[in-house]
C-alpha atoms as a PDB file:
ATOM      1  CA  MET A   1      32.001  13.816-131.065  1.00  0.00           C
ATOM      2  CA  LYS A   2      30.891  15.679-128.274  1.00  0.00           C
ATOM      3  CA  ASN A   3      34.249  16.347-126.923  1.00  0.00           C
ATOM      4  CA  ARG A   4      35.572  17.357-130.203  1.00  0.00           C
ATOM      5  CA  MET A   5      32.637  19.694-130.818  1.00  0.00           C
ATOM      6  CA  THR A   6      33.343  21.271-127.017  1.00  0.00           C
ATOM      7  CA  THR A   7      37.088  21.448-128.055  1.00  0.00           C
ATOM      8  CA  MET A   8      36.525  23.264-131.219  1.00  0.00           C
ATOM      9  CA  VAL A   9      33.530  25.870-129.289  1.00  0.00           C
ATOM     10  CA  LEU A  10      36.392  26.391-126.741  1.00  0.00           C
ATOM     11  CA  ALA A  11      39.218  27.128-129.439  1.00  0.00           C
ATOM     12  CA  LEU A  12      36.903  29.477-131.627  1.00  0.00           C
ATOM     13  CA  VAL A  13      35.939  31.063-128.125  1.00  0.00           C
ATOM     14  CA  PHE A  14      39.492  31.475-126.943  1.00  0.00           C
ATOM     15  CA  SER A  15      40.906  33.121-130.094  1.00  0.00           C
ATOM     16  CA  ALA A  16      38.035  35.633-130.357  1.00  0.00           C
ATOM     17  CA  PHE A  17      38.921  36.496-126.615  1.00  0.00           C
ATOM     18  CA  THR A  18      42.553  36.332-127.621  1.00  0.00           C
ATOM     19  CA  TYR A  19      42.069  38.818-130.886  1.00  0.00           C
ATOM     20  CA  ALA A  20      39.791  40.988-128.706  1.00  0.00           C
ATOM     21  CA  GLN A  21      41.960  41.464-126.203  1.00  0.00           C
ATOM     22  CA  SER A  22      45.175  41.746-128.030  1.00  0.00           C
ATOM     23  CA  PRO A  23      47.281  45.077-126.962  1.00  0.00           C
ATOM     24  CA  LEU A  24      47.050  48.301-128.841  1.00  0.00           C
ATOM     25  CA  PRO A  25      50.620  49.798-130.140  1.00  0.00           C
ATOM     26  CA  LYS A  26      52.233  51.904-127.631  1.00  0.00           C
ATOM     27  CA  VAL A  27      52.581  55.412-129.571  1.00  0.00           C
ATOM     28  CA  TYR A  28      54.269  57.467-126.482  1.00  0.00           C
ATOM     29  CA  ASP A  29      57.741  57.644-126.253  1.00  0.00           C
ATOM     30  CA  GLU A  30      58.936  57.710-122.927  1.00  0.00           C
ATOM     31  CA  SER A  31      62.308  58.471-123.436  1.00  0.00           C
ATOM     32  CA  VAL A  32      61.923  62.000-125.303  1.00  0.00           C
ATOM     33  CA  ASN A  33      61.835  65.157-123.833  1.00  0.00           C
ATOM     34  CA  PRO A  34      58.055  66.593-124.303  1.00  0.00           C
ATOM     35  CA  LEU A  35      59.198  70.392-124.507  1.00  0.00           C
ATOM     36  CA  GLU A  36      61.916  69.617-127.183  1.00  0.00           C
ATOM     37  CA  GLN A  37      58.947  67.362-129.157  1.00  0.00           C
ATOM     38  CA  ILE A  38      56.544  70.287-128.945  1.00  0.00           C
ATOM     39  CA  ASP A  39      59.584  72.431-130.181  1.00  0.00           C
ATOM     40  CA  GLN A  40      60.262  70.324-132.967  1.00  0.00           C
ATOM     41  CA  ALA A  41      56.866  70.094-134.199  1.00  0.00           C
ATOM     42  CA  LEU A  42      56.052  73.651-133.595  1.00  0.00           C
ATOM     43  CA  ALA A  43      58.957  74.198-136.479  1.00  0.00           C
ATOM     44  CA  LYS A  44      57.625  71.471-138.764  1.00  0.00           C
ATOM     45  CA  ALA A  45      53.855  73.488-138.253  1.00  0.00           C
ATOM     46  CA  ARG A  46      55.514  76.551-139.385  1.00  0.00           C
ATOM     47  CA  ALA A  47      57.354  75.532-142.422  1.00  0.00           C
ATOM     48  CA  GLN A  48      53.883  73.890-143.892  1.00  0.00           C
ATOM     49  CA  GLN A  49      51.571  76.261-142.255  1.00  0.00           C
ATOM     50  CA  LYS A  50      49.857  73.894-139.615  1.00  0.00           C
ATOM     51  CA  HIS A  51      48.873  73.807-136.454  1.00  0.00           C
ATOM     52  CA  VAL A  52      49.755  71.317-133.952  1.00  0.00           C
ATOM     53  CA  ILE A  53      47.935  68.974-132.056  1.00  0.00           C
ATOM     54  CA  VAL A  54      49.115  67.480-129.070  1.00  0.00           C
ATOM     55  CA  GLN A  55      47.512  64.569-127.608  1.00  0.00           C
ATOM     56  CA  LEU A  56      48.441  64.344-123.897  1.00  0.00           C
ATOM     57  CA  GLY A  57      48.430  61.152-122.204  1.00  0.00           C
ATOM     58  CA  GLY A  58      50.409  57.690-121.727  1.00  0.00           C
ATOM     59  CA  ASN A  59      51.147  54.195-122.657  1.00  0.00           C
ATOM     60  CA  TRP A  60      49.534  53.704-119.166  1.00  0.00           C
ATOM     61  CA  CYS A  61      46.241  54.931-120.486  1.00  0.00           C
ATOM     62  CA  PRO A  62      43.721  52.771-122.690  1.00  0.00           C
ATOM     63  CA  TRP A  63      41.565  55.269-124.273  1.00  0.00           C
ATOM     64  CA  CYS A  64      44.817  57.217-125.111  1.00  0.00           C
ATOM     65  CA  LEU A  65      46.153  53.969-127.169  1.00  0.00           C
ATOM     66  CA  LEU A  66      42.493  53.262-128.626  1.00  0.00           C
ATOM     67  CA  LEU A  67      42.240  57.291-129.558  1.00  0.00           C
ATOM     68  CA  ALA A  68      45.650  57.029-131.649  1.00  0.00           C
ATOM     69  CA  ASP A  69      44.587  53.335-132.562  1.00  0.00           C
ATOM     70  CA  TYR A  70      41.420  55.009-134.056  1.00  0.00           C
ATOM     71  CA  ILE A  71      43.165  57.988-135.766  1.00  0.00           C
ATOM     72  CA  THR A  72      45.135  55.620-137.732  1.00  0.00           C
ATOM     73  CA  ARG A  73      42.415  53.394-138.558  1.00  0.00           C
ATOM     74  CA  ASP A  74      39.894  55.830-139.649  1.00  0.00           C
ATOM     75  CA  SER A  75      41.309  57.110-143.426  1.00  0.00           C
ATOM     76  CA  VAL A  76      39.112  60.248-143.438  1.00  0.00           C
ATOM     77  CA  VAL A  77      40.104  61.250-139.941  1.00  0.00           C
ATOM     78  CA  SER A  78      43.616  60.586-140.602  1.00  0.00           C
ATOM     79  CA  LYS A  79      43.434  62.176-143.731  1.00  0.00           C
ATOM     80  CA  ALA A  80      41.942  65.401-142.049  1.00  0.00           C
ATOM     81  CA  ILE A  81      44.579  65.543-139.334  1.00  0.00           C
ATOM     82  CA  ALA A  82      47.553  64.685-142.093  1.00  0.00           C
ATOM     83  CA  ASP A  83      45.912  67.698-144.344  1.00  0.00           C
ATOM     84  CA  ASN A  84      46.002  70.045-141.361  1.00  0.00           C
ATOM     85  CA  TYR A  85      48.052  69.496-138.340  1.00  0.00           C
ATOM     86  CA  VAL A  86      51.189  67.873-136.914  1.00  0.00           C
ATOM     87  CA  TYR A  87      49.793  65.762-134.696  1.00  0.00           C
ATOM     88  CA  ILE A  88      51.792  64.115-132.013  1.00  0.00           C
ATOM     89  CA  HIS A  89      51.791  61.929-128.760  1.00  0.00           C
ATOM     90  CA  VAL A  90      53.334  63.645-126.018  1.00  0.00           C
ATOM     91  CA  ASN A  91      53.789  61.611-122.919  1.00  0.00           C
ATOM     92  CA  TYR A  92      52.683  62.187-119.124  1.00  0.00           C
ATOM     93  CA  HIS A  93      52.615  59.795-116.487  1.00  0.00           C
ATOM     94  CA  PRO A  94      51.951  61.419-113.234  1.00  0.00           C
ATOM     95  CA  ARG A  95      53.218  58.649-111.316  1.00  0.00           C
ATOM     96  CA  LYS A  96      56.590  58.803-113.179  1.00  0.00           C
ATOM     97  CA  SER A  97      56.682  62.187-112.241  1.00  0.00           C
ATOM     98  CA  LYS A  98      58.390  62.256-108.866  1.00  0.00           C
ATOM     99  CA  ALA A  99      62.103  62.637-109.564  1.00  0.00           C
ATOM    100  CA  ALA A 100      63.217  66.425-109.287  1.00  0.00           C
ATOM    101  CA  GLU A 101      64.462  66.878-112.849  1.00  0.00           C
ATOM    102  CA  GLN A 102      61.332  65.348-113.810  1.00  0.00           C
ATOM    103  CA  LEU A 103      59.019  67.254-111.837  1.00  0.00           C
ATOM    104  CA  GLN A 104      60.401  70.245-113.014  1.00  0.00           C
ATOM    105  CA  MET A 105      59.976  69.305-116.640  1.00  0.00           C
ATOM    106  CA  THR A 106      56.265  67.981-116.242  1.00  0.00           C
ATOM    107  CA  ARG A 107      55.300  71.191-114.703  1.00  0.00           C
ATOM    108  CA  ALA A 108      56.943  73.288-117.529  1.00  0.00           C
ATOM    109  CA  LEU A 109      55.174  70.918-119.899  1.00  0.00           C
ATOM    110  CA  LEU A 110      51.466  71.279-118.259  1.00  0.00           C
ATOM    111  CA  LYS A 111      52.033  75.047-117.855  1.00  0.00           C
ATOM    112  CA  ARG A 112      52.886  75.847-121.821  1.00  0.00           C
ATOM    113  CA  LEU A 113      49.964  73.507-122.581  1.00  0.00           C
ATOM    114  CA  GLY A 114      47.707  75.663-120.313  1.00  0.00           C
ATOM    115  CA  ASN A 115      47.138  72.684-117.572  1.00  0.00           C
ATOM    116  CA  PRO A 116      44.832  70.021-119.384  1.00  0.00           C
ATOM    117  CA  VAL A 117      44.881  67.593-117.216  1.00  0.00           C
ATOM    118  CA  ARG A 118      41.677  69.079-115.715  1.00  0.00           C
ATOM    119  CA  PHE A 119      40.007  67.114-118.564  1.00  0.00           C
ATOM    120  CA  GLY A 120      41.691  63.689-118.422  1.00  0.00           C
ATOM    121  CA  PHE A 121      43.430  61.514-120.643  1.00  0.00           C
ATOM    122  CA  PRO A 122      43.638  61.665-123.353  1.00  0.00           C
ATOM    123  CA  VAL A 123      43.264  65.230-124.280  1.00  0.00           C
ATOM    124  CA  LEU A 124      44.158  67.378-127.164  1.00  0.00           C
ATOM    125  CA  VAL A 125      45.692  70.776-127.438  1.00  0.00           C
ATOM    126  CA  VAL A 126      45.873  72.306-130.360  1.00  0.00           C
ATOM    127  CA  LEU A 127      48.793  75.050-130.809  1.00  0.00           C
ATOM    128  CA  ASP A 128      49.431  77.374-133.316  1.00  0.00           C
ATOM    129  CA  GLU A 129      52.351  77.760-135.284  1.00  0.00           C
ATOM    130  CA  GLU A 130      53.992  79.762-132.799  1.00  0.00           C
ATOM    131  CA  GLY A 131      53.138  77.309-129.576  1.00  0.00           C
ATOM    132  CA  HIS A 132      50.115  79.236-128.447  1.00  0.00           C
ATOM    133  CA  VAL A 133      47.348  77.253-127.103  1.00  0.00           C
ATOM    134  CA  LEU A 134      44.277  77.868-129.108  1.00  0.00           C
ATOM    135  CA  HIS A 135      41.842  74.982-128.082  1.00  0.00           C
ATOM    136  CA  THR A 136      41.899  72.405-125.312  1.00  0.00           C
ATOM    137  CA  GLN A 137      39.502  69.321-126.465  1.00  0.00           C
ATOM    138  CA  ASP A 138      38.274  67.258-123.379  1.00  0.00           C
ATOM    139  CA  SER A 139      38.389  63.762-125.707  1.00  0.00           C
ATOM    140  CA  GLY A 140      35.840  62.627-123.756  1.00  0.00           C
ATOM    141  CA  MET A 141      33.124  65.044-125.986  1.00  0.00           C
ATOM    142  CA  LEU A 142      34.399  62.776-129.186  1.00  0.00           C
ATOM    143  CA  GLU A 143      33.524  59.216-127.926  1.00  0.00           C
ATOM    144  CA  GLU A 144      30.312  57.393-128.675  1.00  0.00           C
ATOM    145  CA  GLY A 145      30.216  53.762-126.941  1.00  0.00           C
ATOM    146  CA  LYS A 146      33.476  52.166-126.590  1.00  0.00           C
ATOM    147  CA  GLY A 147      35.092  54.485-129.541  1.00  0.00           C
ATOM    148  CA  TYR A 148      35.236  57.750-131.072  1.00  0.00           C
ATOM    149  CA  HIS A 149      32.347  59.128-132.918  1.00  0.00           C
ATOM    150  CA  GLN A 150      33.731  60.104-136.626  1.00  0.00           C
ATOM    151  CA  GLY A 151      31.486  63.332-137.054  1.00  0.00           C
ATOM    152  CA  ARG A 152      32.556  65.078-133.683  1.00  0.00           C
ATOM    153  CA  VAL A 153      36.145  64.040-134.190  1.00  0.00           C
ATOM    154  CA  LEU A 154      35.777  65.454-137.981  1.00  0.00           C
ATOM    155  CA  GLN A 155      34.236  68.777-136.503  1.00  0.00           C
ATOM    156  CA  PHE A 156      36.718  69.570-134.117  1.00  0.00           C
ATOM    157  CA  LEU A 157      39.459  68.870-136.529  1.00  0.00           C
ATOM    158  CA  ARG A 158      37.438  71.285-138.857  1.00  0.00           C
ATOM    159  CA  ASN A 159      37.108  74.007-136.089  1.00  0.00           C
ATOM    160  CA  TRP A 160      41.131  74.342-135.578  1.00  0.00           C
ATOM    161  CA  THR A 161      42.612  74.138-139.069  1.00  0.00           C
ATOM    162  CA  HIS A 162      45.150  76.943-140.045  1.00  0.00           C
ATOM    163  CA  GLU A 163      42.555  78.407-142.675  1.00  0.00           C
ATOM    164  CA  ALA A 164      39.472  78.024-140.544  1.00  0.00           C
ATOM    165  CA  VAL A 165      41.246  80.195-137.640  1.00  0.00           C
ATOM    166  CA  LYS A 166      42.812  82.552-139.746  1.00  0.00           C
ATOM    167  CA  LYS A 167      39.077  83.236-141.476  1.00  0.00           C
ATOM    168  CA  ALA A 168      37.746  83.731-138.502  1.00  0.00           C
ATOM    169  CA  LYS A 169      40.418  86.335-137.375  1.00  0.00           C
ATOM    170  CA  ASP A 170      39.794  87.820-140.819  1.00  0.00           C
ATOM    171  CA  GLU A 171      36.565  88.269-140.172  1.00  0.00           C
ATOM    172  CA  LEU A 172      36.949  90.174-137.229  1.00  0.00           C
END
């Protein structure tokens, strides 16, 4: 009886550990040209009168995958994004940027986004429909514990919508 109980407890602990350790979905497509990916998002944003949010990071970054998962699972946040933004995951992998062609593309990407890597990863860059950087968001400011704070995320999203930026410009 004692062996059976020990086996059951170990099985439960193992399954809980396995569930907790299950990998998050990989959301960064490493095969696409990031500059073309941004151009496509901008075209869509212009057509929909939205801004673009670039989540710069990579499948190598646990916090990048955690933020992507959080956005997918939090229905309020995902609705706010769907209603107001074209949201893309742009791959950046500093260790794979050594080849000359890749290095040139990475430099162009970082220049285009205002060199946001100084904020760590993931970093969120808000672009207007013309591709101008409106804001760079350190995602660490949106965190709480081992996750993200819904109120902070929603405040960030509300502040940079097409309508909010237009209203602020009109008030000048």
